[in-house]
PDB file of N, CA and C in Angstrom:
ATOM      1  N   MET A   1      16.038   5.991   3.964  1.00  0.00           N
ATOM      2  CA  MET A   1      16.130   5.742   5.208  1.00  0.00           C
ATOM      3  C   MET A   1      16.433   6.584   6.182  1.00  0.00           C
ATOM      4  N   ASP A   2      15.447   7.148   7.066  1.00  0.00           N
ATOM      5  CA  ASP A   2      16.265   8.852   8.158  1.00  0.00           C
ATOM      6  C   ASP A   2      16.497   7.740   9.703  1.00  0.00           C
ATOM      7  N   TYR A   3      16.955   8.768  10.133  1.00  0.00           N
ATOM      8  CA  TYR A   3      17.029   8.383  11.227  1.00  0.00           C
ATOM      9  C   TYR A   3      17.195   9.647  12.511  1.00  0.00           C
ATOM     10  N   LYS A   4      16.106   9.301  13.684  1.00  0.00           N
ATOM     11  CA  LYS A   4      15.856  10.916  14.555  1.00  0.00           C
ATOM     12  C   LYS A   4      15.873  10.471  15.552  1.00  0.00           C
ATOM     13  N   LYS A   5      16.793  10.669  16.455  1.00  0.00           N
ATOM     14  CA  LYS A   5      16.447  10.056  17.947  1.00  0.00           C
ATOM     15  C   LYS A   5      16.412   8.922  17.953  1.00  0.00           C
ATOM     16  N   LYS A   6      17.418   8.123  17.636  1.00  0.00           N
ATOM     17  CA  LYS A   6      17.672   6.421  17.999  1.00  0.00           C
ATOM     18  C   LYS A   6      16.025   6.088  17.314  1.00  0.00           C
ATOM     19  N   VAL A   7      15.417   6.289  15.829  1.00  0.00           N
ATOM     20  CA  VAL A   7      14.714   5.622  15.734  1.00  0.00           C
ATOM     21  C   VAL A   7      15.747   5.733  13.673  1.00  0.00           C
ATOM     22  N   LEU A   8      15.136   4.596  13.037  1.00  0.00           N
ATOM     23  CA  LEU A   8      15.645   4.398  11.736  1.00  0.00           C
ATOM     24  C   LEU A   8      14.399   4.302  11.838  1.00  0.00           C
ATOM     25  N   PHE A   9      13.339   5.375  10.281  1.00  0.00           N
ATOM     26  CA  PHE A   9      12.730   5.311   9.571  1.00  0.00           C
ATOM     27  C   PHE A   9      12.923   4.619   8.187  1.00  0.00           C
ATOM     28  N   ILE A  10      12.120   3.543   7.753  1.00  0.00           N
ATOM     29  CA  ILE A  10      12.861   2.984   6.497  1.00  0.00           C
ATOM     30  C   ILE A  10      11.406   3.223   5.545  1.00  0.00           C
ATOM     31  N   ASN A  11      10.943   3.327   3.884  1.00  0.00           N
ATOM     32  CA  ASN A  11      10.557   3.496   3.135  1.00  0.00           C
ATOM     33  C   ASN A  11       9.542   2.534   2.647  1.00  0.00           C
ATOM     34  N   ILE A  12       9.488   1.691   2.809  1.00  0.00           N
ATOM     35  CA  ILE A  12       9.726   0.610   1.479  1.00  0.00           C
ATOM     36  C   ILE A  12       8.298   1.400   0.655  1.00  0.00           C
ATOM     37  N   ASN A  13       8.890   1.145  -1.271  1.00  0.00           N
ATOM     38  CA  ASN A  13       7.337   1.420  -1.697  1.00  0.00           C
ATOM     39  C   ASN A  13       7.454   0.919  -3.014  1.00  0.00           C
ATOM     40  N   GLU A  14       6.356   0.056  -3.378  1.00  0.00           N
ATOM     41  CA  GLU A  14       6.102  -0.076  -4.338  1.00  0.00           C
ATOM     42  C   GLU A  14       5.686  -2.110  -3.991  1.00  0.00           C
ATOM     43  N   SER A  15       6.582  -2.512  -4.165  1.00  0.00           N
ATOM     44  CA  SER A  15       6.764  -4.486  -3.729  1.00  0.00           C
ATOM     45  C   SER A  15       7.771  -4.461  -3.053  1.00  0.00           C
ATOM     46  N   LEU A  16       8.353  -5.616  -2.152  1.00  0.00           N
ATOM     47  CA  LEU A  16       8.797  -5.975  -1.241  1.00  0.00           C
ATOM     48  C   LEU A  16       9.605  -8.286  -1.164  1.00  0.00           C
ATOM     49  N   ILE A  17       9.644  -8.123  -3.206  1.00  0.00           N
ATOM     50  CA  ILE A  17       9.594 -10.001  -3.187  1.00  0.00           C
ATOM     51  C   ILE A  17      11.029 -10.320  -4.179  1.00  0.00           C
ATOM     52  N   LYS A  18      10.545 -11.282  -4.221  1.00  0.00           N
ATOM     53  CA  LYS A  18      12.578 -12.121  -4.485  1.00  0.00           C
ATOM     54  C   LYS A  18      13.653 -11.109  -4.243  1.00  0.00           C
ATOM     55  N   LYS A  19      12.583 -10.237  -6.201  1.00  0.00           N
ATOM     56  CA  LYS A  19      14.141  -9.846  -6.580  1.00  0.00           C
ATOM     57  C   LYS A  19      14.679  -8.319  -6.097  1.00  0.00           C
ATOM     58  N   ASP A  20      13.492  -8.131  -5.292  1.00  0.00           N
ATOM     59  CA  ASP A  20      13.835  -6.675  -4.543  1.00  0.00           C
ATOM     60  C   ASP A  20      15.185  -7.114  -3.218  1.00  0.00           C
ATOM     61  N   VAL A  21      14.939  -8.519  -2.355  1.00  0.00           N
ATOM     62  CA  VAL A  21      15.103  -9.043  -1.412  1.00  0.00           C
ATOM     63  C   VAL A  21      16.549  -8.066  -1.426  1.00  0.00           C
ATOM     64  N   SER A  22      17.335  -9.047  -2.470  1.00  0.00           N
ATOM     65  CA  SER A  22      19.200  -8.959  -1.721  1.00  0.00           C
ATOM     66  C   SER A  22      19.235  -7.335  -2.433  1.00  0.00           C
ATOM     67  N   ASN A  23      19.070  -6.811  -2.145  1.00  0.00           N
ATOM     68  CA  ASN A  23      18.645  -5.262  -2.665  1.00  0.00           C
ATOM     69  C   ASN A  23      18.892  -4.449  -1.313  1.00  0.00           C
ATOM     70  N   PHE A  24      17.346  -5.239  -0.930  1.00  0.00           N
ATOM     71  CA  PHE A  24      17.424  -4.580  -0.152  1.00  0.00           C
ATOM     72  C   PHE A  24      18.071  -4.045   1.349  1.00  0.00           C
ATOM     73  N   GLU A  25      18.229  -5.573   1.293  1.00  0.00           N
ATOM     74  CA  GLU A  25      19.367  -5.615   2.590  1.00  0.00           C
ATOM     75  C   GLU A  25      19.924  -6.183   2.298  1.00  0.00           C
ATOM     76  N   SER A  26      20.456  -5.731   1.500  1.00  0.00           N
ATOM     77  CA  SER A  26      22.038  -4.876   0.625  1.00  0.00           C
ATOM     78  C   SER A  26      22.268  -2.864   1.969  1.00  0.00           C
ATOM     79  N   LEU A  27      21.383  -2.701   1.522  1.00  0.00           N
ATOM     80  CA  LEU A  27      21.470  -1.608   1.532  1.00  0.00           C
ATOM     81  C   LEU A  27      20.537  -0.705   3.353  1.00  0.00           C
ATOM     82  N   VAL A  28      19.701  -1.578   3.724  1.00  0.00           N
ATOM     83  CA  VAL A  28      19.243  -2.020   5.130  1.00  0.00           C
ATOM     84  C   VAL A  28      20.556  -2.380   6.248  1.00  0.00           C
ATOM     85  N   ILE A  29      20.690  -3.770   6.507  1.00  0.00           N
ATOM     86  CA  ILE A  29      21.224  -4.271   7.023  1.00  0.00           C
ATOM     87  C   ILE A  29      22.333  -3.397   8.193  1.00  0.00           C
ATOM     88  N   PRO A  30      23.450  -3.154   6.404  1.00  0.00           N
ATOM     89  CA  PRO A  30      24.454  -2.199   7.569  1.00  0.00           C
ATOM     90  C   PRO A  30      24.007  -1.284   7.531  1.00  0.00           C
ATOM     91  N   VAL A  31      23.583   0.097   7.522  1.00  0.00           N
ATOM     92  CA  VAL A  31      23.124   0.764   8.139  1.00  0.00           C
ATOM     93  C   VAL A  31      22.853   0.263   9.337  1.00  0.00           C
ATOM     94  N   ILE A  32      22.094  -0.723   9.944  1.00  0.00           N
ATOM     95  CA  ILE A  32      21.369  -1.160  11.568  1.00  0.00           C
ATOM     96  C   ILE A  32      23.354  -1.427  11.697  1.00  0.00           C
ATOM     97  N   LEU A  33      23.848  -2.186  11.497  1.00  0.00           N
ATOM     98  CA  LEU A  33      24.724  -2.500  11.987  1.00  0.00           C
ATOM     99  C   LEU A  33      25.497  -1.608  12.151  1.00  0.00           C
ATOM    100  N   GLU A  34      25.824  -0.923  11.854  1.00  0.00           N
ATOM    101  CA  GLU A  34      26.058   0.566  12.296  1.00  0.00           C
ATOM    102  C   GLU A  34      26.152   1.076  13.162  1.00  0.00           C
ATOM    103  N   LEU A  35      24.167   1.573  13.798  1.00  0.00           N
ATOM    104  CA  LEU A  35      23.931   2.746  13.495  1.00  0.00           C
ATOM    105  C   LEU A  35      23.747   2.088  15.166  1.00  0.00           C
ATOM    106  N   LYS A  36      23.371   0.666  15.106  1.00  0.00           N
ATOM    107  CA  LYS A  36      22.294   0.245  16.823  1.00  0.00           C
ATOM    108  C   LYS A  36      21.524   0.642  16.633  1.00  0.00           C
ATOM    109  N   CYS A  37      20.542   0.607  15.936  1.00  0.00           N
ATOM    110  CA  CYS A  37      19.091   1.566  16.360  1.00  0.00           C
ATOM    111  C   CYS A  37      18.283   0.975  17.643  1.00  0.00           C
ATOM    112  N   ARG A  38      17.930   2.108  18.522  1.00  0.00           N
ATOM    113  CA  ARG A  38      17.409   1.775  19.103  1.00  0.00           C
ATOM    114  C   ARG A  38      15.569   0.780  18.388  1.00  0.00           C
ATOM    115  N   ASP A  39      15.446   1.503  17.360  1.00  0.00           N
ATOM    116  CA  ASP A  39      14.150   1.094  17.243  1.00  0.00           C
ATOM    117  C   ASP A  39      13.993   1.468  15.453  1.00  0.00           C
ATOM    118  N   ILE A  40      13.166   0.761  14.802  1.00  0.00           N
ATOM    119  CA  ILE A  40      12.935   0.891  13.482  1.00  0.00           C
ATOM    120  C   ILE A  40      11.679   0.452  13.443  1.00  0.00           C
ATOM    121  N   THR A  41      11.185   1.563  11.915  1.00  0.00           N
ATOM    122  CA  THR A  41       9.859   2.004  11.682  1.00  0.00           C
ATOM    123  C   THR A  41       9.833   1.667  10.282  1.00  0.00           C
ATOM    124  N   ILE A  42       9.297   0.557  10.358  1.00  0.00           N
ATOM    125  CA  ILE A  42       9.370   0.334   8.113  1.00  0.00           C
ATOM    126  C   ILE A  42       7.603   1.158   7.622  1.00  0.00           C
ATOM    127  N   ASN A  43       8.051   1.220   6.602  1.00  0.00           N
ATOM    128  CA  ASN A  43       6.290   2.085   5.740  1.00  0.00           C
ATOM    129  C   ASN A  43       6.183   1.270   5.036  1.00  0.00           C
ATOM    130  N   LEU A  44       5.170   0.745   5.063  1.00  0.00           N
ATOM    131  CA  LEU A  44       4.679  -0.802   3.522  1.00  0.00           C
ATOM    132  C   LEU A  44       4.346   0.139   2.822  1.00  0.00           C
ATOM    133  N   ASN A  45       4.515   0.850   2.167  1.00  0.00           N
ATOM    134  CA  ASN A  45       3.979   1.298   1.329  1.00  0.00           C
ATOM    135  C   ASN A  45       4.173   0.446   0.015  1.00  0.00           C
ATOM    136  N   ILE A  46       3.695  -0.748  -0.091  1.00  0.00           N
ATOM    137  CA  ILE A  46       3.583  -1.607  -1.214  1.00  0.00           C
ATOM    138  C   ILE A  46       2.101  -1.988  -1.894  1.00  0.00           C
ATOM    139  N   ASN A  47       2.740  -2.555  -2.631  1.00  0.00           N
ATOM    140  CA  ASN A  47       1.089  -3.731  -3.442  1.00  0.00           C
ATOM    141  C   ASN A  47       1.625  -5.420  -2.959  1.00  0.00           C
ATOM    142  N   CYS A  48       2.631  -5.334  -2.820  1.00  0.00           N
ATOM    143  CA  CYS A  48       2.693  -6.599  -3.557  1.00  0.00           C
ATOM    144  C   CYS A  48       3.673  -7.105  -2.896  1.00  0.00           C
ATOM    145  N   ILE A  49       3.796  -8.289  -1.864  1.00  0.00           N
ATOM    146  CA  ILE A  49       5.133  -9.006  -0.924  1.00  0.00           C
ATOM    147  C   ILE A  49       5.423  -9.498  -0.898  1.00  0.00           C
ATOM    148  N   ASP A  50       6.062 -10.747  -0.869  1.00  0.00           N
ATOM    149  CA  ASP A  50       6.134 -12.757  -1.226  1.00  0.00           C
ATOM    150  C   ASP A  50       7.085 -12.955  -0.385  1.00  0.00           C
ATOM    151  N   LYS A  51       7.009 -14.657   0.383  1.00  0.00           N
ATOM    152  CA  LYS A  51       7.318 -15.307   1.314  1.00  0.00           C
ATOM    153  C   LYS A  51       9.201 -14.640   1.197  1.00  0.00           C
ATOM    154  N   TYR A  52       9.314 -14.713   0.836  1.00  0.00           N
ATOM    155  CA  TYR A  52      11.201 -13.310   0.696  1.00  0.00           C
ATOM    156  C   TYR A  52      10.698 -11.979   1.222  1.00  0.00           C
ATOM    157  N   GLY A  53      10.487 -11.466   0.713  1.00  0.00           N
ATOM    158  CA  GLY A  53       9.993 -10.082   1.556  1.00  0.00           C
ATOM    159  C   GLY A  53       9.627 -10.448   3.522  1.00  0.00           C
ATOM    160  N   ILE A  54       8.645 -11.154   3.393  1.00  0.00           N
ATOM    161  CA  ILE A  54       8.181 -12.212   4.473  1.00  0.00           C
ATOM    162  C   ILE A  54       9.358 -11.636   5.297  1.00  0.00           C
ATOM    163  N   ASN A  55      10.643 -12.329   4.788  1.00  0.00           N
ATOM    164  CA  ASN A  55      11.496 -12.634   5.446  1.00  0.00           C
ATOM    165  C   ASN A  55      12.623 -12.316   5.563  1.00  0.00           C
ATOM    166  N   SER A  56      12.821 -11.516   4.971  1.00  0.00           N
ATOM    167  CA  SER A  56      13.426 -10.715   5.430  1.00  0.00           C
ATOM    168  C   SER A  56      12.858  -9.024   6.411  1.00  0.00           C
ATOM    169  N   ILE A  57      11.845  -9.004   6.578  1.00  0.00           N
ATOM    170  CA  ILE A  57      11.321  -8.253   7.356  1.00  0.00           C
ATOM    171  C   ILE A  57      11.784  -8.788   8.705  1.00  0.00           C
ATOM    172  N   ILE A  58      11.128 -10.662   8.997  1.00  0.00           N
ATOM    173  CA  ILE A  58      11.747 -10.924   9.427  1.00  0.00           C
ATOM    174  C   ILE A  58      13.526 -10.929  10.326  1.00  0.00           C
ATOM    175  N   LYS A  59      13.829 -11.266   8.851  1.00  0.00           N
ATOM    176  CA  LYS A  59      15.947 -11.202   9.571  1.00  0.00           C
ATOM    177  C   LYS A  59      15.574  -9.726  10.539  1.00  0.00           C
ATOM    178  N   ILE A  60      15.649  -8.643   9.417  1.00  0.00           N
ATOM    179  CA  ILE A  60      15.739  -7.491  10.229  1.00  0.00           C
ATOM    180  C   ILE A  60      14.865  -7.140  12.235  1.00  0.00           C
ATOM    181  N   CYS A  61      14.238  -7.972  11.957  1.00  0.00           N
ATOM    182  CA  CYS A  61      13.204  -8.245  13.905  1.00  0.00           C
ATOM    183  C   CYS A  61      14.694  -8.266  14.379  1.00  0.00           C
ATOM    184  N   ASN A  62      14.857  -9.847  14.136  1.00  0.00           N
ATOM    185  CA  ASN A  62      15.835 -10.743  14.530  1.00  0.00           C
ATOM    186  C   ASN A  62      17.213 -10.071  15.022  1.00  0.00           C
ATOM    187  N   LEU A  63      17.597  -9.660  13.560  1.00  0.00           N
ATOM    188  CA  LEU A  63      18.758  -8.222  13.808  1.00  0.00           C
ATOM    189  C   LEU A  63      18.708  -7.388  14.751  1.00  0.00           C
ATOM    190  N   GLU A  64      17.700  -6.367  14.969  1.00  0.00           N
ATOM    191  CA  GLU A  64      16.748  -5.459  15.788  1.00  0.00           C
ATOM    192  C   GLU A  64      16.856  -6.532  17.420  1.00  0.00           C
ATOM    193  N   ASN A  65      16.185  -7.832  17.504  1.00  0.00           N
ATOM    194  CA  ASN A  65      16.495  -8.214  18.632  1.00  0.00           C
ATOM    195  C   ASN A  65      17.985  -8.172  18.491  1.00  0.00           C
ATOM    196  N   LYS A  66      18.673  -8.607  18.766  1.00  0.00           N
ATOM    197  CA  LYS A  66      20.023  -8.465  19.208  1.00  0.00           C
ATOM    198  C   LYS A  66      20.505  -7.283  19.649  1.00  0.00           C
ATOM    199  N   PHE A  67      19.320  -5.936  19.913  1.00  0.00           N
ATOM    200  CA  PHE A  67      20.025  -4.442  20.482  1.00  0.00           C
ATOM    201  C   PHE A  67      18.825  -4.761  21.605  1.00  0.00           C
ATOM    202  N   ASN A  68      18.464  -5.638  21.363  1.00  0.00           N
ATOM    203  CA  ASN A  68      17.474  -5.199  22.322  1.00  0.00           C
ATOM    204  C   ASN A  68      16.553  -3.943  22.184  1.00  0.00           C
ATOM    205  N   GLY A  69      16.632  -4.028  20.542  1.00  0.00           N
ATOM    206  CA  GLY A  69      15.389  -2.927  19.697  1.00  0.00           C
ATOM    207  C   GLY A  69      14.191  -3.544  20.132  1.00  0.00           C
ATOM    208  N   ASN A  70      13.365  -3.017  18.684  1.00  0.00           N
ATOM    209  CA  ASN A  70      11.936  -3.224  18.074  1.00  0.00           C
ATOM    210  C   ASN A  70      11.869  -2.842  16.917  1.00  0.00           C
ATOM    211  N   VAL A  71      10.718  -2.837  16.241  1.00  0.00           N
ATOM    212  CA  VAL A  71      10.307  -3.082  14.971  1.00  0.00           C
ATOM    213  C   VAL A  71       8.483  -2.987  14.673  1.00  0.00           C
ATOM    214  N   PHE A  72       8.829  -1.902  14.992  1.00  0.00           N
ATOM    215  CA  PHE A  72       7.482  -1.139  14.133  1.00  0.00           C
ATOM    216  C   PHE A  72       6.818  -1.037  12.573  1.00  0.00           C
ATOM    217  N   ILE A  73       5.866  -1.583  12.261  1.00  0.00           N
ATOM    218  CA  ILE A  73       4.898  -2.077  10.081  1.00  0.00           C
ATOM    219  C   ILE A  73       4.470  -1.162  10.654  1.00  0.00           C
ATOM    220  N   ASN A  74       4.242  -0.665   9.467  1.00  0.00           N
ATOM    221  CA  ASN A  74       2.966   0.797   8.861  1.00  0.00           C
ATOM    222  C   ASN A  74       2.399   0.387   8.553  1.00  0.00           C
ATOM    223  N   LYS A  75       1.417   1.917   7.602  1.00  0.00           N
ATOM    224  CA  LYS A  75       0.699   1.827   6.263  1.00  0.00           C
ATOM    225  C   LYS A  75       0.437   0.714   5.603  1.00  0.00           C
ATOM    226  N   ILE A  76       0.032   0.098   6.582  1.00  0.00           N
ATOM    227  CA  ILE A  76       0.228  -1.418   5.788  1.00  0.00           C
ATOM    228  C   ILE A  76      -1.512  -1.401   5.262  1.00  0.00           C
ATOM    229  N   ASN A  77      -1.117  -1.671   3.956  1.00  0.00           N
ATOM    230  CA  ASN A  77      -2.862  -1.362   2.842  1.00  0.00           C
ATOM    231  C   ASN A  77      -3.691  -2.580   3.804  1.00  0.00           C
ATOM    232  N   ASN A  78      -5.362  -2.958   3.378  1.00  0.00           N
ATOM    233  CA  ASN A  78      -6.548  -3.977   3.429  1.00  0.00           C
ATOM    234  C   ASN A  78      -5.146  -5.564   3.189  1.00  0.00           C
ATOM    235  N   SER A  79      -5.239  -5.117   1.404  1.00  0.00           N
ATOM    236  CA  SER A  79      -4.087  -6.677   0.851  1.00  0.00           C
ATOM    237  C   SER A  79      -3.154  -7.416   1.763  1.00  0.00           C
ATOM    238  N   ILE A  80      -2.637  -6.439   1.794  1.00  0.00           N
ATOM    239  CA  ILE A  80      -0.747  -6.930   2.264  1.00  0.00           C
ATOM    240  C   ILE A  80      -1.576  -7.109   3.773  1.00  0.00           C
ATOM    241  N   ARG A  81      -1.896  -6.720   4.957  1.00  0.00           N
ATOM    242  CA  ARG A  81      -2.012  -7.673   6.155  1.00  0.00           C
ATOM    243  C   ARG A  81      -2.860  -8.630   6.162  1.00  0.00           C
ATOM    244  N   LYS A  82      -3.741  -8.515   5.144  1.00  0.00           N
ATOM    245  CA  LYS A  82      -4.594 -10.034   4.627  1.00  0.00           C
ATOM    246  C   LYS A  82      -2.629 -11.476   4.629  1.00  0.00           C
ATOM    247  N   LEU A  83      -2.374 -10.968   3.489  1.00  0.00           N
ATOM    248  CA  LEU A  83      -0.404 -11.786   3.357  1.00  0.00           C
ATOM    249  C   LEU A  83      -0.249 -12.026   5.150  1.00  0.00           C
ATOM    250  N   LEU A  84       0.377 -10.965   5.103  1.00  0.00           N
ATOM    251  CA  LEU A  84       0.891 -10.648   7.165  1.00  0.00           C
ATOM    252  C   LEU A  84       0.915 -11.710   7.957  1.00  0.00           C
ATOM    253  N   THR A  85      -1.131 -11.349   8.431  1.00  0.00           N
ATOM    254  CA  THR A  85      -1.626 -12.271   9.063  1.00  0.00           C
ATOM    255  C   THR A  85      -1.594 -13.727   8.756  1.00  0.00           C
ATOM    256  N   LYS A  86      -1.532 -13.639   7.693  1.00  0.00           N
ATOM    257  CA  LYS A  86      -0.911 -15.468   7.214  1.00  0.00           C
ATOM    258  C   LYS A  86       0.476 -15.737   8.004  1.00  0.00           C
ATOM    259  N   SER A  87       1.012 -14.643   7.695  1.00  0.00           N
ATOM    260  CA  SER A  87       2.596 -15.424   7.932  1.00  0.00           C
ATOM    261  C   SER A  87       2.634 -15.130  10.042  1.00  0.00           C
ATOM    262  N   ASN A  88       4.263 -15.647  10.259  1.00  0.00           N
ATOM    263  CA  ASN A  88       4.424 -15.872  11.067  1.00  0.00           C
ATOM    264  C   ASN A  88       5.005 -14.044  11.806  1.00  0.00           C
ATOM    265  N   LEU A  89       5.071 -12.848  11.176  1.00  0.00           N
ATOM    266  CA  LEU A  89       6.033 -12.352  11.079  1.00  0.00           C
ATOM    267  C   LEU A  89       5.522 -11.263  12.123  1.00  0.00           C
ATOM    268  N   TYR A  90       4.387 -10.300  13.016  1.00  0.00           N
ATOM    269  CA  TYR A  90       4.015 -10.197  13.696  1.00  0.00           C
ATOM    270  C   TYR A  90       4.405 -11.222  14.601  1.00  0.00           C
ATOM    271  N   ASP A  91       4.358 -12.568  14.869  1.00  0.00           N
ATOM    272  CA  ASP A  91       6.094 -12.784  16.518  1.00  0.00           C
ATOM    273  C   ASP A  91       5.944 -12.326  16.961  1.00  0.00           C
ATOM    274  N   TYR A  92       7.696 -11.479  15.770  1.00  0.00           N
ATOM    275  CA  TYR A  92       7.759 -10.901  15.265  1.00  0.00           C
ATOM    276  C   TYR A  92       9.102  -9.259  15.707  1.00  0.00           C
ATOM    277  N   CYS A  93       7.165  -8.732  14.800  1.00  0.00           N
ATOM    278  CA  CYS A  93       7.445  -7.014  15.181  1.00  0.00           C
ATOM    279  C   CYS A  93       5.463  -6.940  15.992  1.00  0.00           C
ATOM    280  N   MET A  94       5.950  -4.924  16.125  1.00  0.00           N
ATOM    281  CA  MET A  94       4.728  -4.715  15.928  1.00  0.00           C
ATOM    282  C   MET A  94       3.968  -4.541  15.418  1.00  0.00           C
ATOM    283  N   HIS A  95       2.367  -4.161  14.513  1.00  0.00           N
ATOM    284  CA  HIS A  95       2.277  -3.605  13.842  1.00  0.00           C
ATOM    285  C   HIS A  95       0.948  -2.649  13.958  1.00  0.00           C
ATOM    286  N   ASN A  96       0.808  -1.604  13.406  1.00  0.00           N
ATOM    287  CA  ASN A  96      -0.336   0.010  13.621  1.00  0.00           C
ATOM    288  C   ASN A  96      -0.709  -0.038  12.789  1.00  0.00           C
ATOM    289  N   GLU A  97      -1.896   0.208  11.768  1.00  0.00           N
ATOM    290  CA  GLU A  97      -1.122   1.714  10.712  1.00  0.00           C
ATOM    291  C   GLU A  97      -1.870   2.624  11.282  1.00  0.00           C
ATOM    292  N   LYS A  98      -2.139   3.166  12.984  1.00  0.00           N
ATOM    293  CA  LYS A  98      -2.159   4.246  13.066  1.00  0.00           C
ATOM    294  C   LYS A  98      -1.270   4.524  14.086  1.00  0.00           C
ATOM    295  N   GLU A  99      -0.535   4.131  14.724  1.00  0.00           N
ATOM    296  CA  GLU A  99       1.092   3.679  15.662  1.00  0.00           C
ATOM    297  C   GLU A  99       1.702   5.135  15.174  1.00  0.00           C
ATOM    298  N   ASN A 100       1.687   5.258  16.854  1.00  0.00           N
ATOM    299  CA  ASN A 100       1.327   7.034  16.592  1.00  0.00           C
ATOM    300  C   ASN A 100       3.274   7.349  17.622  1.00  0.00           C
ATOM    301  N   ILE A 101       3.875   7.534  15.759  1.00  0.00           N
ATOM    302  CA  ILE A 101       5.478   7.041  15.578  1.00  0.00           C
ATOM    303  C   ILE A 101       5.907   8.216  16.680  1.00  0.00           C
ATOM    304  N   TYR A 102       5.564   9.508  17.065  1.00  0.00           N
ATOM    305  CA  TYR A 102       5.051  10.535  17.847  1.00  0.00           C
ATOM    306  C   TYR A 102       5.575   9.614  19.704  1.00  0.00           C
ATOM    307  N   GLU A 103       4.703   8.625  19.734  1.00  0.00           N
ATOM    308  CA  GLU A 103       4.912   8.475  21.717  1.00  0.00           C
ATOM    309  C   GLU A 103       6.796   7.596  20.957  1.00  0.00           C
ATOM    310  N   LEU A 104       7.526   7.557  20.217  1.00  0.00           N
ATOM    311  CA  LEU A 104       8.250   6.250  20.093  1.00  0.00           C
ATOM    312  C   LEU A 104       9.465   7.721  20.343  1.00  0.00           C
ATOM    313  N   TRP A 105       8.935   7.994  19.734  1.00  0.00           N
ATOM    314  CA  TRP A 105      10.371   9.983  19.848  1.00  0.00           C
ATOM    315  C   TRP A 105      10.179  10.117  21.651  1.00  0.00           C
ATOM    316  N   LYS A 106       9.009   9.977  22.043  1.00  0.00           N
ATOM    317  CA  LYS A 106       9.272  10.921  23.677  1.00  0.00           C
ATOM    318  C   LYS A 106       9.960  10.047  24.238  1.00  0.00           C
ATOM    319  N   ARG A 107      10.290   8.255  24.035  1.00  0.00           N
ATOM    320  CA  ARG A 107      10.837   7.600  24.715  1.00  0.00           C
ATOM    321  C   ARG A 107      11.919   7.948  24.681  1.00  0.00           C
ATOM    322  N   ASN A 108      12.252   8.189  23.360  1.00  0.00           N
ATOM    323  CA  ASN A 108      14.315   8.420  23.677  1.00  0.00           C
ATOM    324  C   ASN A 108      14.480   9.669  24.181  1.00  0.00           C
TER     325      ASN A 108
END
């Protein structure tokens, strides 16, 4: 995780599945609550995600919504993109593999 100009960057590598979710949430949620950051960027450098991983990201989106912030998802490979499109995750956050993070920084 990295925090710059009120943007929290979260890098997820390899997978976000049931066995990973509790550890992921125990690391990330306290940081979000402490920083009350305006925006979160999640870089999904993963090969595998399941419904528990998707629900975990939705939980982060709902938490960030309490701070009137946004969640951006980047670096989504095509196979993961298909899974996320079938879920309702994109109802909660913004996504674009070419998201210009610099625009977020200029806004802050």
